């Protein structure tokens, strides 16, 4: 895609709360709405979009693209957000960017704490988002950031994309002893596993972020990198994967 010259609409809707942001190509937030009350996507998300566009003085046709989360996450939240994004993008043939929910979590947190610099010897730093997948499972993945000085925004590197799994003592063994952020509402399960078997002391560089602040504007840079490398969909071709295959272990 050619360089983005118009604002982008971002929808964060896969979790319990939701947010909507309109951001211009420089990263300036033109308008934003945040709903922290859980499970209000069906009632509030469309109105939040309307209010945000009105505050920004824009119509849908004025946008460069629309971004939403493709999963994993709340079935209802994903369905509502994806349907709304498709409905807005389709009449104006706008590119639709589907961002992995775990990717957005890692990116949002990194924008708050910084990604460090391998060149300065500050890395590597790992981000392991976790979403509660019910029962004993979590959705989780493994991410870091690349040194990409030629890009306007930090580039997220995916080492292991989102998969459901049951946390056990051997999970993430390859990054034990390194700087790691575990973040999200599924972190309690992993923390409890380590605590119950006396393994917390082995994760000395680990920070557990139980309450993650994830607002759509925080992962705008991730969307820009998607757009710049042409990783977007026509609205009619966008699909959210609701399936939940089971994997007993990952990162083996």
Protein backbone atom coordinates (compact mmCIF):
# COMPACT_ATOMS: atom_id res chain seq x y z
CA UNK A 1 0.00 0.00 0.00
CA UNK A 2 1.23 3.53 -0.76
CA UNK A 3 2.08 5.77 2.17
CA UNK A 4 -0.91 6.46 4.38
CA UNK A 5 -2.02 10.09 4.12
CA UNK A 6 -5.45 9.94 5.79
CA UNK A 7 -6.64 8.91 9.26
CA UNK A 8 -7.22 5.32 10.33
CA UNK A 9 -10.12 4.02 12.43
CA UNK A 10 -9.15 1.39 15.02
CA UNK A 11 -11.51 -0.90 16.95
CA UNK A 12 -10.43 -2.80 20.07
CA UNK A 13 -13.26 -5.21 20.85
CA UNK A 14 -11.94 -8.72 21.52
CA UNK A 15 -11.70 -8.37 25.30
CA UNK A 16 -14.14 -7.55 28.04
CA UNK A 17 -13.81 -3.78 27.51
CA UNK A 18 -13.64 -1.96 24.18
CA UNK A 19 -12.30 1.22 22.61
CA UNK A 20 -12.40 3.15 19.34
CA UNK A 21 -9.76 5.55 18.05
CA UNK A 22 -9.30 7.79 15.05
CA UNK A 23 -5.59 8.43 14.48
CA UNK A 24 -3.91 10.52 11.79
CA UNK A 25 -0.80 9.29 9.90
CA UNK A 26 1.55 11.05 12.31
CA UNK A 27 0.14 9.10 15.25
CA UNK A 28 -1.92 11.99 16.63
CA UNK A 29 -5.18 10.82 18.19
CA UNK A 30 -8.01 12.85 16.67
CA UNK A 31 -10.77 11.24 18.73
CA UNK A 32 -11.16 8.32 21.10
CA UNK A 33 -13.88 6.54 23.04
CA UNK A 34 -13.24 3.99 25.80
CA UNK A 35 -15.81 1.72 27.44
CA UNK A 36 -14.34 -0.01 30.51
CA UNK A 37 -17.57 -1.67 31.54
CA UNK A 38 -17.28 -5.28 30.37
CA UNK A 39 -19.24 -6.86 27.54
CA UNK A 40 -20.79 -3.69 26.15
CA UNK A 41 -19.66 -4.13 22.54
CA UNK A 42 -23.15 -4.90 21.23
CA UNK A 43 -24.67 -1.84 22.87
CA UNK A 44 -21.88 0.71 22.53
CA UNK A 45 -19.32 -0.05 19.80
CA UNK A 46 -21.22 1.39 16.83
CA UNK A 47 -22.14 4.53 18.78
CA UNK A 48 -18.52 4.93 19.87
CA UNK A 49 -17.46 4.85 16.22
CA UNK A 50 -20.09 7.42 15.26
CA UNK A 51 -19.13 9.75 18.12
CA UNK A 52 -15.41 9.43 17.36
CA UNK A 53 -15.81 10.22 13.66
CA UNK A 54 -18.05 13.18 14.49
CA UNK A 55 -15.53 14.57 16.98
CA UNK A 56 -12.75 14.16 14.40
CA UNK A 57 -14.87 15.92 11.78
CA UNK A 58 -14.68 12.94 9.45
CA UNK A 59 -16.92 10.55 7.58
CA UNK A 60 -16.07 6.94 6.83
CA UNK A 61 -15.17 7.82 3.23
CA UNK A 62 -12.42 10.12 4.58
CA UNK A 63 -10.49 7.25 6.17
CA UNK A 64 -7.43 5.50 4.77
CA UNK A 65 -8.29 2.16 6.39
CA UNK A 66 -10.13 0.42 9.22
CA UNK A 67 -8.43 -1.90 11.70
CA UNK A 68 -10.02 -4.43 14.04
CA UNK A 69 -8.95 -7.51 15.99
CA UNK A 70 -9.16 -10.89 14.30
CA UNK A 71 -8.86 -12.97 17.48
CA UNK A 72 -8.53 -14.80 19.72
CA UNK A 73 -10.91 -13.41 22.29
CA UNK A 74 -14.56 -13.09 23.21
CA UNK A 75 -16.72 -14.74 20.56
CA UNK A 76 -19.36 -12.03 20.83
CA UNK A 77 -16.84 -9.20 20.92
CA UNK A 78 -14.99 -10.53 17.87
CA UNK A 79 -18.17 -11.09 15.89
CA UNK A 80 -19.56 -7.62 16.60
CA UNK A 81 -16.30 -5.79 15.96
CA UNK A 82 -15.53 -7.64 12.74
CA UNK A 83 -19.06 -7.21 11.39
CA UNK A 84 -18.99 -3.48 12.15
CA UNK A 85 -15.57 -3.02 10.55
CA UNK A 86 -16.68 -4.91 7.44
CA UNK A 87 -19.92 -2.96 7.21
CA UNK A 88 -18.06 0.35 7.36
CA UNK A 89 -15.26 -0.61 4.97
CA UNK A 90 -17.25 -2.37 2.26
CA UNK A 91 -19.24 0.56 0.74
CA UNK A 92 -16.09 2.68 0.35
CA UNK A 93 -13.72 -0.15 -0.60
CA UNK A 94 -11.46 0.65 2.36
CA UNK A 95 -8.62 -1.70 3.31
CA UNK A 96 -9.43 -3.75 6.39
CA UNK A 97 -6.55 -4.67 8.70
CA UNK A 98 -7.12 -7.66 10.97
CA UNK A 99 -4.71 -7.52 13.91
CA UNK A 100 -4.11 -10.47 16.20
CA UNK A 101 -5.45 -9.72 19.67
CA UNK A 102 -2.29 -10.96 21.38
CA UNK A 103 -0.19 -8.88 18.99
CA UNK A 104 -2.18 -5.79 19.90
CA UNK A 105 -1.70 -6.50 23.61
CA UNK A 106 2.07 -6.89 23.24
CA UNK A 107 2.34 -3.76 21.10
CA UNK A 108 0.20 -1.64 23.41
CA UNK A 109 2.24 -2.61 26.45
CA UNK A 110 5.55 -2.06 24.65
CA UNK A 111 4.46 1.44 23.70
CA UNK A 112 3.97 2.15 27.41
CA UNK A 113 7.25 0.70 28.72
CA UNK A 114 9.51 0.95 25.65
CA UNK A 115 10.92 -1.79 23.45
CA UNK A 116 14.59 -1.39 24.37
CA UNK A 117 17.42 -1.58 21.86
CA UNK A 118 19.43 -4.64 20.90
CA UNK A 119 22.12 -2.32 19.54
CA UNK A 120 22.53 -0.80 23.01
CA UNK A 121 22.53 -4.19 24.71
CA UNK A 122 19.10 -3.75 26.25
CA UNK A 123 17.54 -6.84 24.69
CA UNK A 124 16.14 -9.17 24.01
CA UNK A 125 12.89 -8.50 25.79
CA UNK A 126 9.98 -10.88 25.38
CA UNK A 127 6.25 -10.23 25.53
CA UNK A 128 3.93 -13.12 26.38
CA UNK A 129 0.28 -12.00 26.33
CA UNK A 130 -2.24 -14.38 27.87
CA UNK A 131 -6.01 -14.41 27.47
CA UNK A 132 -8.15 -16.60 29.71
CA UNK A 133 -9.58 -19.35 27.47
CA UNK A 134 -11.74 -20.94 30.19
CA UNK A 135 -11.13 -24.20 32.03
CA UNK A 136 -7.37 -24.64 32.49
CA UNK A 137 -6.34 -23.04 29.20
CA UNK A 138 -4.99 -19.71 28.05
CA UNK A 139 -4.48 -18.24 24.61
CA UNK A 140 -0.86 -17.20 24.43
CA UNK A 141 1.95 -16.32 22.04
CA UNK A 142 5.56 -15.17 22.06
CA UNK A 143 6.67 -11.80 20.69
CA UNK A 144 9.64 -9.43 20.59
CA UNK A 145 10.66 -6.33 18.64
CA UNK A 146 13.18 -6.00 15.84
CA UNK A 147 15.73 -3.24 15.41
CA UNK A 148 14.24 -1.52 12.39
CA UNK A 149 15.48 2.05 12.32
CA UNK A 150 14.13 2.47 8.80
CA UNK A 151 10.54 2.09 10.03
CA UNK A 152 8.54 4.89 11.60
CA UNK A 153 7.09 2.48 14.16
CA UNK A 154 8.69 -0.46 16.03
CA UNK A 155 8.22 -3.76 14.22
CA UNK A 156 6.71 -6.61 16.23
CA UNK A 157 8.32 -10.00 15.60
CA UNK A 158 6.10 -13.06 16.02
CA UNK A 159 7.96 -16.08 17.36
CA UNK A 160 4.85 -18.07 18.20
CA UNK A 161 1.43 -16.94 17.09
CA UNK A 162 -1.66 -17.30 19.25
CA UNK A 163 -2.50 -20.84 20.35
CA UNK A 164 -4.56 -22.25 23.21
CA UNK A 165 -2.63 -24.31 25.73
CA UNK A 166 -2.54 -25.48 29.35
CA UNK A 167 0.29 -23.72 31.23
CA UNK A 168 2.76 -26.12 32.80
CA UNK A 169 6.22 -25.80 34.31
CA UNK A 170 7.99 -26.41 30.98
CA UNK A 171 6.11 -23.73 29.05
CA UNK A 172 8.38 -20.89 27.86
CA UNK A 173 11.43 -22.70 29.23
CA UNK A 174 13.60 -21.29 26.42
CA UNK A 175 13.13 -17.72 27.69
CA UNK A 176 13.54 -18.44 31.39
CA UNK A 177 16.10 -16.08 32.91
CA UNK A 178 15.54 -13.37 30.29
CA UNK A 179 13.48 -10.22 30.58
CA UNK A 180 9.86 -11.21 30.05
CA UNK A 181 6.52 -9.45 30.36
CA UNK A 182 3.57 -11.77 30.99
CA UNK A 183 0.42 -9.74 30.52
CA UNK A 184 -3.34 -10.11 30.36
CA UNK A 185 -6.25 -11.70 32.19
CA UNK A 186 -4.80 -15.20 31.70
CA UNK A 187 -1.59 -14.44 33.60
CA UNK A 188 -3.10 -15.56 36.91
CA UNK A 189 -3.15 -19.17 35.70
CA UNK A 190 0.52 -19.11 34.73
CA UNK A 191 1.53 -17.29 37.92
CA UNK A 192 -0.39 -19.82 40.03
CA UNK A 193 1.26 -22.72 38.19
CA UNK A 194 4.74 -21.36 38.89
CA UNK A 195 3.84 -20.54 42.49
CA UNK A 196 2.31 -23.94 43.24
CA UNK A 197 5.40 -25.82 42.09
CA UNK A 198 7.91 -23.37 43.57
CA UNK A 199 9.21 -22.12 40.23
CA UNK A 200 8.67 -18.38 40.67
CA UNK A 201 12.25 -17.94 41.87
CA UNK A 202 13.55 -19.09 38.49
CA UNK A 203 11.81 -16.20 36.70
CA UNK A 204 13.85 -13.39 38.24
CA UNK A 205 13.57 -11.04 35.23
CA UNK A 206 9.85 -11.55 34.84
CA UNK A 207 7.18 -8.90 35.29
CA UNK A 208 3.59 -10.09 35.66
CA UNK A 209 1.08 -7.55 34.36
CA UNK A 210 -2.31 -8.73 35.57
CA UNK A 211 -4.25 -5.62 34.57
CA UNK A 212 -3.27 -4.54 31.08
CA UNK A 213 -4.19 -1.12 29.72
CA UNK A 214 -4.94 -1.85 26.08
CA UNK A 215 -6.54 0.96 24.07
CA UNK A 216 -6.85 0.87 20.31
CA UNK A 217 -4.68 3.94 19.70
CA UNK A 218 -1.78 2.25 21.50
CA UNK A 219 -1.37 -0.29 18.69
CA UNK A 220 -1.65 2.20 15.83
CA UNK A 221 2.01 1.61 14.91
CA UNK A 222 1.27 -2.09 14.47
CA UNK A 223 -1.51 -1.23 12.02
CA UNK A 224 0.74 1.16 10.10
CA UNK A 225 3.34 -1.57 9.67
CA UNK A 226 0.62 -3.92 8.42
CA UNK A 227 -0.52 -1.33 5.88
CA UNK A 228 3.00 -0.50 4.72
CA UNK A 229 3.75 -4.12 3.89
CA UNK A 230 0.37 -4.68 2.23
CA UNK A 231 -1.00 -7.02 4.92
CA UNK A 232 -4.67 -6.08 4.71
CA UNK A 233 -7.93 -7.47 3.31
CA UNK A 234 -10.85 -6.46 1.21
CA UNK A 235 -13.78 -6.27 3.61
CA UNK A 236 -15.63 -9.11 1.85
CA UNK A 237 -12.65 -11.44 2.30
CA UNK A 238 -11.99 -10.77 5.98
CA UNK A 239 -12.61 -13.81 8.19
CA UNK A 240 -12.39 -14.16 11.96
CA UNK A 241 -11.30 -17.63 13.00
CA UNK A 242 -13.60 -18.70 15.84
CA UNK A 243 -12.22 -22.21 16.05
CA UNK A 244 -10.33 -23.33 19.10
CA UNK A 245 -7.96 -26.20 18.30
CA UNK A 246 -6.25 -27.73 21.30
CA UNK A 247 -2.50 -28.00 21.74
CA UNK A 248 -1.15 -29.58 24.90
CA UNK A 249 2.09 -27.64 24.68
CA UNK A 250 3.77 -25.06 22.53
CA UNK A 251 7.23 -23.59 22.15
CA UNK A 252 8.67 -27.09 22.28
